[in-house]
Amino acid sequence: MSSFFNKKLIRSCSWCKYGKKSEYTDEIFCLKRGVTDKRDYCHSYKYNPLQREPEIIKPSENYTEKDFEL
């Protein structure tokens, strides 16, 4: 399964299958280590692509009417 994803992806408890995000802080509740920082990870790290949230990209505001013509 990991061959389908970027192997150079930085490990993070927030993307691990054992971690759950706190609703109130940036901390992660880990089944293996307890409460951790979202940038931490341990030897039990297993990437879960469903927990990953895509980056929010702001749309450019420099459009003109010519950009929308066919």
PDB file of N, CA and C in Angstrom:
ATOM      1  N   MET A   1       0.818  -1.193   0.000  1.00  0.00           N
ATOM      2  CA  MET A   1       0.000   0.000   0.000  1.00  0.00           C
ATOM      3  C   MET A   1       0.861   1.255   0.000  1.00  0.00           C
ATOM      4  N   SER A   2       1.995   1.223   0.695  1.00  0.00           N
ATOM      5  CA  SER A   2       2.826   2.421   0.769  1.00  0.00           C
ATOM      6  C   SER A   2       3.471   2.756  -0.574  1.00  0.00           C
ATOM      7  N   SER A   3       3.507   1.816  -1.517  1.00  0.00           N
ATOM      8  CA  SER A   3       4.106   2.095  -2.814  1.00  0.00           C
ATOM      9  C   SER A   3       3.251   3.063  -3.636  1.00  0.00           C
ATOM     10  N   PHE A   4       1.990   3.247  -3.262  1.00  0.00           N
ATOM     11  CA  PHE A   4       1.117   4.165  -3.978  1.00  0.00           C
ATOM     12  C   PHE A   4       1.263   5.606  -3.516  1.00  0.00           C
ATOM     13  N   PHE A   5       1.991   5.817  -2.431  1.00  0.00           N
ATOM     14  CA  PHE A   5       2.096   7.143  -1.848  1.00  0.00           C
ATOM     15  C   PHE A   5       3.544   7.614  -1.836  1.00  0.00           C
ATOM     16  N   ASN A   6       3.748   8.883  -1.615  1.00  0.00           N
ATOM     17  CA  ASN A   6       5.060   9.494  -1.601  1.00  0.00           C
ATOM     18  C   ASN A   6       5.892   8.937  -0.442  1.00  0.00           C
ATOM     19  N   LYS A   7       6.996   8.293  -0.746  1.00  0.00           N
ATOM     20  CA  LYS A   7       7.839   7.718   0.301  1.00  0.00           C
ATOM     21  C   LYS A   7       8.643   8.782   1.037  1.00  0.00           C
ATOM     22  N   LYS A   8       8.769   9.970   0.459  1.00  0.00           N
ATOM     23  CA  LYS A   8       9.510  11.056   1.090  1.00  0.00           C
ATOM     24  C   LYS A   8       8.615  11.939   1.953  1.00  0.00           C
ATOM     25  N   LEU A   9       7.380  11.534   2.148  1.00  0.00           N
ATOM     26  CA  LEU A   9       6.441  12.292   2.956  1.00  0.00           C
ATOM     27  C   LEU A   9       6.938  12.358   4.399  1.00  0.00           C
ATOM     28  N   ILE A  10       6.922  13.536   4.967  1.00  0.00           N
ATOM     29  CA  ILE A  10       7.376  13.725   6.338  1.00  0.00           C
ATOM     30  C   ILE A  10       6.394  13.032   7.280  1.00  0.00           C
ATOM     31  N   ARG A  11       6.903  12.221   8.180  1.00  0.00           N
ATOM     32  CA  ARG A  11       6.049  11.502   9.113  1.00  0.00           C
ATOM     33  C   ARG A  11       5.471  12.459  10.150  1.00  0.00           C
ATOM     34  N   SER A  12       4.239  12.207  10.533  1.00  0.00           N
ATOM     35  CA  SER A  12       3.559  13.054  11.496  1.00  0.00           C
ATOM     36  C   SER A  12       2.492  12.236  12.210  1.00  0.00           C
ATOM     37  N   CYS A  13       2.368  12.406  13.511  1.00  0.00           N
ATOM     38  CA  CYS A  13       1.332  11.701  14.274  1.00  0.00           C
ATOM     39  C   CYS A  13      -0.068  12.048  13.778  1.00  0.00           C
ATOM     40  N   SER A  14      -0.228  13.206  13.182  1.00  0.00           N
ATOM     41  CA  SER A  14      -1.551  13.598  12.709  1.00  0.00           C
ATOM     42  C   SER A  14      -1.993  12.765  11.509  1.00  0.00           C
ATOM     43  N   TRP A  15      -1.063  12.055  10.836  1.00  0.00           N
ATOM     44  CA  TRP A  15      -1.403  11.207   9.691  1.00  0.00           C
ATOM     45  C   TRP A  15      -1.303   9.726  10.013  1.00  0.00           C
ATOM     46  N   CYS A  16      -1.061   9.389  11.257  1.00  0.00           N
ATOM     47  CA  CYS A  16      -0.876   7.998  11.675  1.00  0.00           C
ATOM     48  C   CYS A  16      -2.225   7.345  11.981  1.00  0.00           C
ATOM     49  N   LYS A  17      -2.324   6.051  11.720  1.00  0.00           N
ATOM     50  CA  LYS A  17      -3.585   5.358  11.982  1.00  0.00           C
ATOM     51  C   LYS A  17      -3.872   5.222  13.475  1.00  0.00           C
ATOM     52  N   TYR A  18      -2.878   5.399  14.329  1.00  0.00           N
ATOM     53  CA  TYR A  18      -3.065   5.297  15.768  1.00  0.00           C
ATOM     54  C   TYR A  18      -3.386   6.643  16.414  1.00  0.00           C
ATOM     55  N   GLY A  19      -3.338   7.722  15.655  1.00  0.00           N
ATOM     56  CA  GLY A  19      -3.549   9.056  16.218  1.00  0.00           C
ATOM     57  C   GLY A  19      -4.923   9.625  15.927  1.00  0.00           C
ATOM     58  N   LYS A  20      -5.447  10.370  16.862  1.00  0.00           N
ATOM     59  CA  LYS A  20      -6.703  11.107  16.707  1.00  0.00           C
ATOM     60  C   LYS A  20      -6.453  12.553  17.090  1.00  0.00           C
ATOM     61  N   LYS A  21      -6.928  13.481  16.265  1.00  0.00           N
ATOM     62  CA  LYS A  21      -6.735  14.898  16.538  1.00  0.00           C
ATOM     63  C   LYS A  21      -7.644  15.368  17.660  1.00  0.00           C
ATOM     64  N   SER A  22      -7.102  16.235  18.499  1.00  0.00           N
ATOM     65  CA  SER A  22      -7.894  16.874  19.534  1.00  0.00           C
ATOM     66  C   SER A  22      -8.754  17.955  18.889  1.00  0.00           C
ATOM     67  N   GLU A  23      -9.974  18.097  19.364  1.00  0.00           N
ATOM     68  CA  GLU A  23     -10.862  19.119  18.812  1.00  0.00           C
ATOM     69  C   GLU A  23     -10.492  20.520  19.272  1.00  0.00           C
ATOM     70  N   TYR A  24      -9.763  20.631  20.390  1.00  0.00           N
ATOM     71  CA  TYR A  24      -9.539  21.933  21.013  1.00  0.00           C
ATOM     72  C   TYR A  24      -8.103  22.441  20.901  1.00  0.00           C
ATOM     73  N   THR A  25      -7.131  21.537  20.702  1.00  0.00           N
ATOM     74  CA  THR A  25      -5.732  21.949  20.610  1.00  0.00           C
ATOM     75  C   THR A  25      -5.081  21.292  19.401  1.00  0.00           C
ATOM     76  N   ASP A  26      -3.798  21.550  19.203  1.00  0.00           N
ATOM     77  CA  ASP A  26      -3.039  20.931  18.103  1.00  0.00           C
ATOM     78  C   ASP A  26      -2.436  19.593  18.508  1.00  0.00           C
ATOM     79  N   GLU A  27      -2.828  19.063  19.644  1.00  0.00           N
ATOM     80  CA  GLU A  27      -2.260  17.816  20.117  1.00  0.00           C
ATOM     81  C   GLU A  27      -2.958  16.612  19.479  1.00  0.00           C
ATOM     82  N   ILE A  28      -2.253  15.485  19.502  1.00  0.00           N
ATOM     83  CA  ILE A  28      -2.761  14.233  18.958  1.00  0.00           C
ATOM     84  C   ILE A  28      -2.875  13.223  20.094  1.00  0.00           C
ATOM     85  N   PHE A  29      -3.980  12.505  20.136  1.00  0.00           N
ATOM     86  CA  PHE A  29      -4.159  11.432  21.102  1.00  0.00           C
ATOM     87  C   PHE A  29      -3.752  10.131  20.429  1.00  0.00           C
ATOM     88  N   CYS A  30      -2.640   9.574  20.860  1.00  0.00           N
ATOM     89  CA  CYS A  30      -2.071   8.377  20.246  1.00  0.00           C
ATOM     90  C   CYS A  30      -2.400   7.149  21.092  1.00  0.00           C
ATOM     91  N   LEU A  31      -2.817   6.060  20.440  1.00  0.00           N
ATOM     92  CA  LEU A  31      -3.103   4.825  21.159  1.00  0.00           C
ATOM     93  C   LEU A  31      -1.834   4.184  21.709  1.00  0.00           C
ATOM     94  N   LYS A  32      -0.690   4.480  21.111  1.00  0.00           N
ATOM     95  CA  LYS A  32       0.582   3.878  21.527  1.00  0.00           C
ATOM     96  C   LYS A  32       1.341   4.724  22.548  1.00  0.00           C
ATOM     97  N   ARG A  33       1.323   6.065  22.386  1.00  0.00           N
ATOM     98  CA  ARG A  33       2.161   6.933  23.218  1.00  0.00           C
ATOM     99  C   ARG A  33       1.403   7.906  24.093  1.00  0.00           C
ATOM    100  N   GLY A  34       0.107   8.013  23.940  1.00  0.00           N
ATOM    101  CA  GLY A  34      -0.656   8.985  24.723  1.00  0.00           C
ATOM    102  C   GLY A  34      -0.763  10.309  23.977  1.00  0.00           C
ATOM    103  N   VAL A  35      -0.723  11.405  24.693  1.00  0.00           N
ATOM    104  CA  VAL A  35      -0.844  12.729  24.085  1.00  0.00           C
ATOM    105  C   VAL A  35       0.505  13.146  23.516  1.00  0.00           C
ATOM    106  N   THR A  36       0.528  13.514  22.229  1.00  0.00           N
ATOM    107  CA  THR A  36       1.762  13.933  21.564  1.00  0.00           C
ATOM    108  C   THR A  36       1.520  15.196  20.753  1.00  0.00           C
ATOM    109  N   ASP A  37       2.596  15.765  20.288  1.00  0.00           N
ATOM    110  CA  ASP A  37       2.537  16.909  19.389  1.00  0.00           C
ATOM    111  C   ASP A  37       2.271  16.391  17.985  1.00  0.00           C
ATOM    112  N   LYS A  38       1.642  17.176  17.135  1.00  0.00           N
ATOM    113  CA  LYS A  38       1.296  16.695  15.796  1.00  0.00           C
ATOM    114  C   LYS A  38       2.525  16.452  14.914  1.00  0.00           C
ATOM    115  N   ARG A  39       3.680  17.020  15.265  1.00  0.00           N
ATOM    116  CA  ARG A  39       4.891  16.811  14.470  1.00  0.00           C
ATOM    117  C   ARG A  39       5.682  15.583  14.905  1.00  0.00           C
ATOM    118  N   ASP A  40       5.316  14.985  16.034  1.00  0.00           N
ATOM    119  CA  ASP A  40       6.025  13.799  16.521  1.00  0.00           C
ATOM    120  C   ASP A  40       5.610  12.563  15.742  1.00  0.00           C
ATOM    121  N   TYR A  41       6.405  11.506  15.864  1.00  0.00           N
ATOM    122  CA  TYR A  41       6.044  10.180  15.382  1.00  0.00           C
ATOM    123  C   TYR A  41       6.919   9.170  16.107  1.00  0.00           C
ATOM    124  N   CYS A  42       6.527   7.898  16.082  1.00  0.00           N
ATOM    125  CA  CYS A  42       7.283   6.867  16.779  1.00  0.00           C
ATOM    126  C   CYS A  42       7.496   5.661  15.868  1.00  0.00           C
ATOM    127  N   HIS A  43       8.087   4.609  16.399  1.00  0.00           N
ATOM    128  CA  HIS A  43       8.373   3.424  15.591  1.00  0.00           C
ATOM    129  C   HIS A  43       7.100   2.672  15.199  1.00  0.00           C
ATOM    130  N   SER A  44       5.964   2.967  15.822  1.00  0.00           N
ATOM    131  CA  SER A  44       4.692   2.327  15.487  1.00  0.00           C
ATOM    132  C   SER A  44       3.934   3.082  14.398  1.00  0.00           C
ATOM    133  N   TYR A  45       4.557   4.103  13.812  1.00  0.00           N
ATOM    134  CA  TYR A  45       3.903   4.950  12.815  1.00  0.00           C
ATOM    135  C   TYR A  45       3.424   4.136  11.617  1.00  0.00           C
ATOM    136  N   LYS A  46       2.144   4.281  11.294  1.00  0.00           N
ATOM    137  CA  LYS A  46       1.540   3.684  10.099  1.00  0.00           C
ATOM    138  C   LYS A  46       0.740   4.773   9.410  1.00  0.00           C
ATOM    139  N   TYR A  47       1.124   5.094   8.179  1.00  0.00           N
ATOM    140  CA  TYR A  47       0.478   6.168   7.430  1.00  0.00           C
ATOM    141  C   TYR A  47      -0.958   5.798   7.091  1.00  0.00           C
ATOM    142  N   ASN A  48      -1.881   6.704   7.357  1.00  0.00           N
ATOM    143  CA  ASN A  48      -3.281   6.543   7.017  1.00  0.00           C
ATOM    144  C   ASN A  48      -3.676   7.718   6.124  1.00  0.00           C
ATOM    145  N   PRO A  49      -3.802   7.496   4.815  1.00  0.00           N
ATOM    146  CA  PRO A  49      -4.097   8.610   3.908  1.00  0.00           C
ATOM    147  C   PRO A  49      -5.451   9.266   4.151  1.00  0.00           C
ATOM    148  N   LEU A  50      -6.363   8.581   4.807  1.00  0.00           N
ATOM    149  CA  LEU A  50      -7.679   9.159   5.066  1.00  0.00           C
ATOM    150  C   LEU A  50      -7.651  10.212   6.165  1.00  0.00           C
ATOM    151  N   GLN A  51      -6.609  10.240   6.968  1.00  0.00           N
ATOM    152  CA  GLN A  51      -6.499  11.253   8.027  1.00  0.00           C
ATOM    153  C   GLN A  51      -5.790  12.505   7.546  1.00  0.00           C
ATOM    154  N   ARG A  52      -5.247  12.460   6.376  1.00  0.00           N
ATOM    155  CA  ARG A  52      -4.505  13.611   5.872  1.00  0.00           C
ATOM    156  C   ARG A  52      -5.455  14.637   5.287  1.00  0.00           C
ATOM    157  N   GLU A  53      -5.291  15.875   5.688  1.00  0.00           N
ATOM    158  CA  GLU A  53      -6.108  16.967   5.163  1.00  0.00           C
ATOM    159  C   GLU A  53      -5.287  17.733   4.137  1.00  0.00           C
ATOM    160  N   PRO A  54      -5.837  17.960   2.948  1.00  0.00           N
ATOM    161  CA  PRO A  54      -5.082  18.694   1.930  1.00  0.00           C
ATOM    162  C   PRO A  54      -4.841  20.138   2.339  1.00  0.00           C
ATOM    163  N   GLU A  55      -3.756  20.690   1.818  1.00  0.00           N
ATOM    164  CA  GLU A  55      -3.440  22.088   2.093  1.00  0.00           C
ATOM    165  C   GLU A  55      -4.474  22.991   1.440  1.00  0.00           C
ATOM    166  N   ILE A  56      -4.801  24.063   2.106  1.00  0.00           N
ATOM    167  CA  ILE A  56      -5.751  25.027   1.555  1.00  0.00           C
ATOM    168  C   ILE A  56      -4.978  25.993   0.664  1.00  0.00           C
ATOM    169  N   ILE A  57      -5.364  26.050  -0.585  1.00  0.00           N
ATOM    170  CA  ILE A  57      -4.698  26.927  -1.545  1.00  0.00           C
ATOM    171  C   ILE A  57      -5.623  28.105  -1.841  1.00  0.00           C
ATOM    172  N   LYS A  58      -5.118  29.306  -1.599  1.00  0.00           N
ATOM    173  CA  LYS A  58      -5.906  30.493  -1.873  1.00  0.00           C
ATOM    174  C   LYS A  58      -5.950  30.737  -3.376  1.00  0.00           C
ATOM    175  N   PRO A  59      -7.120  30.970  -3.932  1.00  0.00           N
ATOM    176  CA  PRO A  59      -7.207  31.286  -5.352  1.00  0.00           C
ATOM    177  C   PRO A  59      -6.621  32.671  -5.633  1.00  0.00           C
ATOM    178  N   SER A  60      -6.054  32.806  -6.786  1.00  0.00           N
ATOM    179  CA  SER A  60      -5.479  34.084  -7.174  1.00  0.00           C
ATOM    180  C   SER A  60      -6.588  35.093  -7.442  1.00  0.00           C
ATOM    181  N   GLU A  61      -6.321  36.328  -7.160  1.00  0.00           N
ATOM    182  CA  GLU A  61      -7.301  37.383  -7.405  1.00  0.00           C
ATOM    183  C   GLU A  61      -6.898  38.248  -8.600  1.00  0.00           C
ATOM    184  N   ASN A  62      -5.973  37.760  -9.405  1.00  0.00           N
ATOM    185  CA  ASN A  62      -5.454  38.541 -10.524  1.00  0.00           C
ATOM    186  C   ASN A  62      -6.083  38.119 -11.856  1.00  0.00           C
ATOM    187  N   TYR A  63      -7.311  37.626 -11.844  1.00  0.00           N
ATOM    188  CA  TYR A  63      -7.963  37.194 -13.069  1.00  0.00           C
ATOM    189  C   TYR A  63      -8.553  38.376 -13.816  1.00  0.00           C
ATOM    190  N   THR A  64      -8.605  38.233 -15.138  1.00  0.00           N
ATOM    191  CA  THR A  64      -9.275  39.214 -15.991  1.00  0.00           C
ATOM    192  C   THR A  64     -10.352  38.488 -16.789  1.00  0.00           C
ATOM    193  N   GLU A  65     -11.178  39.237 -17.510  1.00  0.00           N
ATOM    194  CA  GLU A  65     -12.222  38.618 -18.324  1.00  0.00           C
ATOM    195  C   GLU A  65     -11.630  37.760 -19.437  1.00  0.00           C
ATOM    196  N   LYS A  66     -10.453  38.107 -19.902  1.00  0.00           N
ATOM    197  CA  LYS A  66      -9.808  37.352 -20.977  1.00  0.00           C
ATOM    198  C   LYS A  66      -9.420  35.932 -20.511  1.00  0.00           C
ATOM    199  N   ASP A  67      -9.167  35.756 -19.245  1.00  0.00           N
ATOM    200  CA  ASP A  67      -8.831  34.430 -18.727  1.00  0.00           C
ATOM    201  C   ASP A  67      -9.990  33.449 -18.838  1.00  0.00           C
ATOM    202  N   PHE A  68     -11.223  33.968 -18.929  1.00  0.00           N
ATOM    203  CA  PHE A  68     -12.404  33.104 -18.964  1.00  0.00           C
ATOM    204  C   PHE A  68     -12.992  32.963 -20.351  1.00  0.00           C
ATOM    205  N   GLU A  69     -12.344  33.496 -21.358  1.00  0.00           N
ATOM    206  CA  GLU A  69     -12.822  33.381 -22.734  1.00  0.00           C
ATOM    207  C   GLU A  69     -12.356  32.073 -23.355  1.00  0.00           C
ATOM    208  N   LEU A  70     -13.157  31.549 -24.275  1.00  0.00           N
ATOM    209  CA  LEU A  70     -12.750  30.347 -24.998  1.00  0.00           C
ATOM    210  C   LEU A  70     -12.103  30.678 -26.310  1.00  0.00           C
TER     211      LEU A  70
END
